[in-house]
Amino acid sequence: MMEQLEQNTTRKAPEIASSSRNERMLFVKEQWRCLFHCPSCGKCYVLRGRNPYELYADFIEGRREYMEITAEIRQNNVEKE
């Protein structure tokens, strides 16, 4: 299980210029799927009940890079703590 988490978190997001909408959607789906192991995962903590497809809609539609959105989510989470 932990090996699976490490594989998912180390995979690089596809670049908008060289990927399709479907590839970006599948990447978000893969990155944010539930691993059913909350104590070691932390994805629910990051999402805080929000839908990953809504959070990453700009990435999926090719408007903003994945890491730009991720940095914004992290910053917003820090500000709320």
N, C-alpha and C. Protein backbone atom coordinates (compact mmCIF):
# COMPACT_ATOMS: atom_id res chain seq x y z
N MET A 1 0.83 -1.20 0.00
CA MET A 1 0.00 0.00 0.00
C MET A 1 0.87 1.26 0.00
N MET A 2 1.87 1.33 0.87
CA MET A 2 2.73 2.50 0.95
C MET A 2 3.51 2.68 -0.35
N GLU A 3 3.94 1.57 -0.95
CA GLU A 3 4.65 1.64 -2.22
C GLU A 3 3.75 2.24 -3.29
N GLN A 4 2.48 1.88 -3.27
CA GLN A 4 1.51 2.41 -4.22
C GLN A 4 1.36 3.92 -4.04
N LEU A 5 1.30 4.38 -2.81
CA LEU A 5 1.20 5.81 -2.53
C LEU A 5 2.42 6.54 -3.05
N GLU A 6 3.61 5.99 -2.81
CA GLU A 6 4.83 6.63 -3.26
C GLU A 6 4.87 6.73 -4.78
N GLN A 7 4.41 5.69 -5.47
CA GLN A 7 4.39 5.73 -6.93
C GLN A 7 3.46 6.83 -7.42
N ASN A 8 2.30 6.97 -6.79
CA ASN A 8 1.34 7.98 -7.22
C ASN A 8 1.82 9.39 -6.94
N THR A 9 2.52 9.61 -5.86
CA THR A 9 2.93 10.95 -5.51
C THR A 9 4.19 11.40 -6.25
N THR A 10 4.93 10.46 -6.83
CA THR A 10 6.15 10.84 -7.51
C THR A 10 5.98 10.97 -9.02
N ARG A 11 4.86 10.54 -9.54
CA ARG A 11 4.61 10.67 -10.98
C ARG A 11 4.42 12.13 -11.34
N LYS A 12 5.09 12.57 -12.36
CA LYS A 12 5.01 13.97 -12.78
C LYS A 12 3.74 14.21 -13.59
N ALA A 13 3.10 15.33 -13.33
CA ALA A 13 1.89 15.71 -14.05
C ALA A 13 2.22 15.94 -15.52
N PRO A 14 1.32 15.55 -16.40
CA PRO A 14 1.55 15.82 -17.83
C PRO A 14 1.51 17.33 -18.09
N GLU A 15 2.38 17.78 -18.96
CA GLU A 15 2.38 19.20 -19.32
C GLU A 15 1.19 19.48 -20.22
N ILE A 16 0.62 20.62 -20.04
CA ILE A 16 -0.57 21.00 -20.80
C ILE A 16 -0.31 20.99 -22.30
N ALA A 17 0.83 21.52 -22.70
CA ALA A 17 1.14 21.64 -24.13
C ALA A 17 1.24 20.29 -24.84
N SER A 18 1.58 19.25 -24.10
CA SER A 18 1.80 17.95 -24.75
C SER A 18 0.86 16.86 -24.26
N SER A 19 -0.29 17.25 -23.72
CA SER A 19 -1.24 16.24 -23.22
C SER A 19 -2.66 16.60 -23.65
N SER A 20 -3.49 15.58 -23.64
CA SER A 20 -4.90 15.80 -23.97
C SER A 20 -5.69 16.05 -22.69
N ARG A 21 -6.89 16.54 -22.85
CA ARG A 21 -7.78 16.76 -21.71
C ARG A 21 -8.00 15.44 -20.97
N ASN A 22 -8.20 14.37 -21.71
CA ASN A 22 -8.42 13.06 -21.11
C ASN A 22 -7.21 12.60 -20.28
N GLU A 23 -6.01 12.81 -20.79
CA GLU A 23 -4.80 12.45 -20.05
C GLU A 23 -4.70 13.22 -18.74
N ARG A 24 -5.05 14.51 -18.80
CA ARG A 24 -5.00 15.33 -17.58
C ARG A 24 -6.07 14.90 -16.59
N MET A 25 -7.26 14.57 -17.09
CA MET A 25 -8.35 14.09 -16.23
C MET A 25 -7.94 12.78 -15.55
N LEU A 26 -7.36 11.87 -16.30
CA LEU A 26 -6.92 10.59 -15.74
C LEU A 26 -5.82 10.78 -14.70
N PHE A 27 -4.95 11.75 -14.93
CA PHE A 27 -3.89 12.03 -13.96
C PHE A 27 -4.50 12.49 -12.64
N VAL A 28 -5.44 13.41 -12.69
CA VAL A 28 -6.10 13.89 -11.46
C VAL A 28 -6.82 12.73 -10.77
N LYS A 29 -7.51 11.93 -11.55
CA LYS A 29 -8.22 10.78 -10.99
C LYS A 29 -7.25 9.84 -10.28
N GLU A 30 -6.12 9.57 -10.90
CA GLU A 30 -5.10 8.70 -10.32
C GLU A 30 -4.49 9.29 -9.05
N GLN A 31 -4.16 10.56 -9.11
CA GLN A 31 -3.50 11.22 -7.98
C GLN A 31 -4.38 11.32 -6.74
N TRP A 32 -5.67 11.49 -6.95
CA TRP A 32 -6.56 11.76 -5.82
C TRP A 32 -7.51 10.62 -5.48
N ARG A 33 -7.27 9.44 -6.04
CA ARG A 33 -8.15 8.32 -5.69
C ARG A 33 -7.89 7.90 -4.25
N CYS A 34 -8.92 7.44 -3.62
CA CYS A 34 -8.84 7.04 -2.22
C CYS A 34 -8.04 5.74 -2.09
N LEU A 35 -7.11 5.72 -1.15
CA LEU A 35 -6.29 4.53 -0.90
C LEU A 35 -6.83 3.72 0.27
N PHE A 36 -7.90 4.22 0.90
CA PHE A 36 -8.54 3.55 2.03
C PHE A 36 -7.55 3.27 3.16
N HIS A 37 -6.65 4.20 3.38
CA HIS A 37 -5.68 4.07 4.47
C HIS A 37 -5.36 5.47 5.00
N CYS A 38 -6.36 6.09 5.58
CA CYS A 38 -6.28 7.50 5.99
C CYS A 38 -5.07 7.84 6.88
N PRO A 39 -4.68 7.00 7.83
CA PRO A 39 -3.57 7.38 8.69
C PRO A 39 -2.26 7.66 7.95
N SER A 40 -2.05 7.02 6.80
CA SER A 40 -0.78 7.24 6.10
C SER A 40 -0.92 8.04 4.81
N CYS A 41 -2.13 8.28 4.38
CA CYS A 41 -2.34 8.91 3.07
C CYS A 41 -2.34 10.44 3.15
N GLY A 42 -3.31 10.99 3.83
CA GLY A 42 -3.41 12.44 3.98
C GLY A 42 -4.14 13.17 2.87
N LYS A 43 -4.62 12.45 1.87
CA LYS A 43 -5.28 13.12 0.76
C LYS A 43 -6.56 13.83 1.21
N CYS A 44 -7.32 13.20 2.08
CA CYS A 44 -8.55 13.83 2.58
C CYS A 44 -8.25 15.12 3.33
N TYR A 45 -7.14 15.13 4.05
CA TYR A 45 -6.75 16.33 4.79
C TYR A 45 -6.46 17.47 3.80
N VAL A 46 -5.78 17.16 2.73
CA VAL A 46 -5.45 18.18 1.73
C VAL A 46 -6.71 18.67 1.02
N LEU A 47 -7.58 17.74 0.64
CA LEU A 47 -8.79 18.12 -0.09
C LEU A 47 -9.82 18.82 0.80
N ARG A 48 -9.86 18.46 2.07
CA ARG A 48 -10.81 19.06 3.02
C ARG A 48 -12.24 19.03 2.50
N GLY A 49 -12.63 17.87 1.98
CA GLY A 49 -14.01 17.69 1.52
C GLY A 49 -14.31 18.26 0.14
N ARG A 50 -13.32 18.84 -0.49
CA ARG A 50 -13.53 19.42 -1.82
C ARG A 50 -13.31 18.37 -2.91
N ASN A 51 -13.93 18.56 -4.02
CA ASN A 51 -13.83 17.65 -5.15
C ASN A 51 -12.55 17.93 -5.94
N PRO A 52 -11.68 16.93 -6.14
CA PRO A 52 -10.43 17.18 -6.87
C PRO A 52 -10.66 17.62 -8.32
N TYR A 53 -11.75 17.16 -8.93
CA TYR A 53 -12.02 17.56 -10.32
C TYR A 53 -12.38 19.05 -10.40
N GLU A 54 -13.03 19.56 -9.37
CA GLU A 54 -13.34 20.99 -9.33
C GLU A 54 -12.08 21.80 -9.01
N LEU A 55 -11.29 21.32 -8.06
CA LEU A 55 -10.06 22.03 -7.70
C LEU A 55 -9.09 22.11 -8.88
N TYR A 56 -9.02 21.05 -9.65
CA TYR A 56 -8.07 20.99 -10.77
C TYR A 56 -8.72 21.21 -12.12
N ALA A 57 -9.88 21.82 -12.15
CA ALA A 57 -10.60 22.06 -13.41
C ALA A 57 -9.76 22.87 -14.40
N ASP A 58 -9.04 23.87 -13.92
CA ASP A 58 -8.20 24.67 -14.83
C ASP A 58 -7.09 23.82 -15.45
N PHE A 59 -6.54 22.89 -14.70
CA PHE A 59 -5.53 21.98 -15.25
C PHE A 59 -6.16 21.05 -16.28
N ILE A 60 -7.27 20.46 -15.91
CA ILE A 60 -7.95 19.52 -16.81
C ILE A 60 -8.30 20.21 -18.13
N GLU A 61 -8.75 21.46 -18.05
CA GLU A 61 -9.14 22.20 -19.26
C GLU A 61 -7.95 22.86 -19.97
N GLY A 62 -6.75 22.72 -19.42
CA GLY A 62 -5.55 23.23 -20.09
C GLY A 62 -5.27 24.70 -19.86
N ARG A 63 -5.77 25.26 -18.76
CA ARG A 63 -5.57 26.69 -18.49
C ARG A 63 -4.42 26.98 -17.52
N ARG A 64 -4.15 26.05 -16.59
CA ARG A 64 -3.10 26.25 -15.59
C ARG A 64 -2.41 24.92 -15.33
N GLU A 65 -1.12 24.97 -14.99
CA GLU A 65 -0.37 23.76 -14.72
C GLU A 65 -0.77 23.16 -13.37
N TYR A 66 -0.62 21.88 -13.26
CA TYR A 66 -1.00 21.12 -12.06
C TYR A 66 -0.28 21.64 -10.81
N MET A 67 1.02 21.84 -10.90
CA MET A 67 1.79 22.26 -9.72
C MET A 67 1.44 23.68 -9.28
N GLU A 68 1.04 24.52 -10.19
CA GLU A 68 0.60 25.87 -9.85
C GLU A 68 -0.65 25.80 -8.96
N ILE A 69 -1.59 24.95 -9.35
CA ILE A 69 -2.82 24.78 -8.58
C ILE A 69 -2.52 24.12 -7.24
N THR A 70 -1.65 23.11 -7.25
CA THR A 70 -1.28 22.42 -6.02
C THR A 70 -0.65 23.38 -5.02
N ALA A 71 0.23 24.24 -5.49
CA ALA A 71 0.86 25.23 -4.60
C ALA A 71 -0.18 26.16 -4.00
N GLU A 72 -1.16 26.56 -4.80
CA GLU A 72 -2.23 27.43 -4.31
C GLU A 72 -3.07 26.71 -3.24
N ILE A 73 -3.38 25.44 -3.47
CA ILE A 73 -4.15 24.67 -2.50
C ILE A 73 -3.38 24.57 -1.19
N ARG A 74 -2.11 24.26 -1.28
CA ARG A 74 -1.27 24.16 -0.07
C ARG A 74 -1.24 25.47 0.69
N GLN A 75 -1.05 26.57 -0.05
CA GLN A 75 -1.01 27.88 0.60
C GLN A 75 -2.33 28.19 1.29
N ASN A 76 -3.43 27.92 0.62
CA ASN A 76 -4.73 28.16 1.22
C ASN A 76 -4.95 27.30 2.47
N ASN A 77 -4.48 26.06 2.44
CA ASN A 77 -4.61 25.19 3.61
C ASN A 77 -3.79 25.70 4.78
N VAL A 78 -2.60 26.22 4.51
CA VAL A 78 -1.75 26.77 5.57
C VAL A 78 -2.40 28.00 6.19
N GLU A 79 -2.97 28.84 5.35
CA GLU A 79 -3.62 30.06 5.85
C GLU A 79 -4.84 29.75 6.72
N LYS A 80 -5.51 28.62 6.46
CA LYS A 80 -6.69 28.26 7.23
C LYS A 80 -6.37 27.59 8.55
N GLU A 81 -5.12 27.18 8.74
CA GLU A 81 -4.76 26.50 9.99
C GLU A 81 -4.55 27.44 11.12
